[in-house]
Amino acid sequence: MKSRAKELRNKNPVELQQELLELLRAQFGLRMQHATQQLSNTSQLSNIRRDIARTKTILSQKARQS
C-alpha cells in the first residue's frame, strides 16, 4: 500500500486526474458486476474505493502546495 502512495505522489496533477477517472470507471464496472451477481471477489470494491480516496487525498495535497 505504501508503495502505491509513493507511486501516486510521483505523478503530476494531470496524471492523477487521469488515474482518478480510470479508477472511477473501474469502480462503476465493479458495482455493475456486483449488482448482477457476476462479481466473485467483492473485496475488489473496497480496494478500488481506497485507491480512489488515496488519489483524491494526494491531489488535494498537491493543490494546497501550489
Protein backbone atom coordinates (compact mmCIF):
# COMPACT_ATOMS: atom_id res chain seq x y z
CA MET A 1 0.00 0.00 0.00
CA LYS A 2 2.73 2.45 0.88
CA SER A 3 4.43 1.85 -2.45
CA ARG A 4 1.12 2.72 -4.18
CA ALA A 5 1.02 6.07 -2.35
CA LYS A 6 4.65 6.77 -3.27
CA GLU A 7 3.88 5.93 -6.89
CA LEU A 8 0.96 8.36 -6.89
CA ARG A 9 2.98 11.14 -5.24
CA ASN A 10 5.49 10.98 -8.11
CA LYS A 11 2.78 11.81 -10.64
CA ASN A 12 1.75 15.32 -11.62
CA PRO A 13 -1.84 16.57 -11.09
CA VAL A 14 -2.87 15.88 -14.69
CA GLU A 15 -1.74 12.26 -14.42
CA LEU A 16 -3.52 11.97 -11.07
CA GLN A 17 -6.77 13.23 -12.61
CA GLN A 18 -6.44 10.63 -15.35
CA GLU A 19 -5.76 7.92 -12.76
CA LEU A 20 -8.82 9.05 -10.81
CA LEU A 21 -11.03 8.81 -13.90
CA GLU A 22 -9.78 5.29 -14.59
CA LEU A 23 -10.43 4.25 -11.01
CA LEU A 24 -13.95 5.70 -11.09
CA ARG A 25 -14.70 3.80 -14.32
CA ALA A 26 -13.35 0.60 -12.76
CA GLN A 27 -15.49 1.18 -9.67
CA PHE A 28 -18.58 1.63 -11.85
CA GLY A 29 -17.83 -1.63 -13.67
CA LEU A 30 -17.35 -3.49 -10.40
CA ARG A 31 -20.59 -2.06 -9.00
CA MET A 32 -22.48 -3.25 -12.08
CA GLN A 33 -20.92 -6.71 -11.79
CA HIS A 34 -21.87 -6.81 -8.12
CA ALA A 35 -25.44 -5.76 -8.85
CA THR A 36 -25.84 -8.50 -11.46
CA GLN A 37 -24.11 -11.02 -9.15
CA GLN A 38 -21.22 -11.57 -11.55
CA LEU A 39 -18.53 -10.31 -9.15
CA SER A 40 -16.78 -13.20 -7.43
CA ASN A 41 -14.27 -11.20 -5.36
CA THR A 42 -16.22 -8.48 -3.56
CA SER A 43 -13.12 -7.19 -1.79
CA GLN A 44 -12.18 -5.52 -5.08
CA LEU A 45 -14.86 -2.91 -4.39
CA SER A 46 -13.28 -1.80 -1.12
CA ASN A 47 -9.79 -1.83 -2.67
CA ILE A 48 -10.92 0.43 -5.52
CA ARG A 49 -12.67 2.73 -3.05
CA ARG A 50 -9.47 3.05 -1.02
CA ASP A 51 -7.43 3.75 -4.16
CA ILE A 52 -9.89 6.49 -5.13
CA ALA A 53 -9.63 8.06 -1.68
CA ARG A 54 -5.83 7.82 -1.78
CA THR A 55 -5.73 9.51 -5.18
CA LYS A 56 -8.10 12.29 -4.11
CA THR A 57 -6.05 12.90 -0.95
CA ILE A 58 -2.80 13.25 -2.88
CA LEU A 59 -4.50 15.53 -5.43
CA SER A 60 -5.72 17.85 -2.69
CA GLN A 61 -2.29 17.85 -1.02
CA LYS A 62 -0.67 18.87 -4.30
CA ALA A 63 -3.30 21.58 -4.80
CA ARG A 64 -2.55 23.02 -1.37
CA GLN A 65 1.19 23.04 -2.09
CA SER A 66 0.71 25.09 -5.25
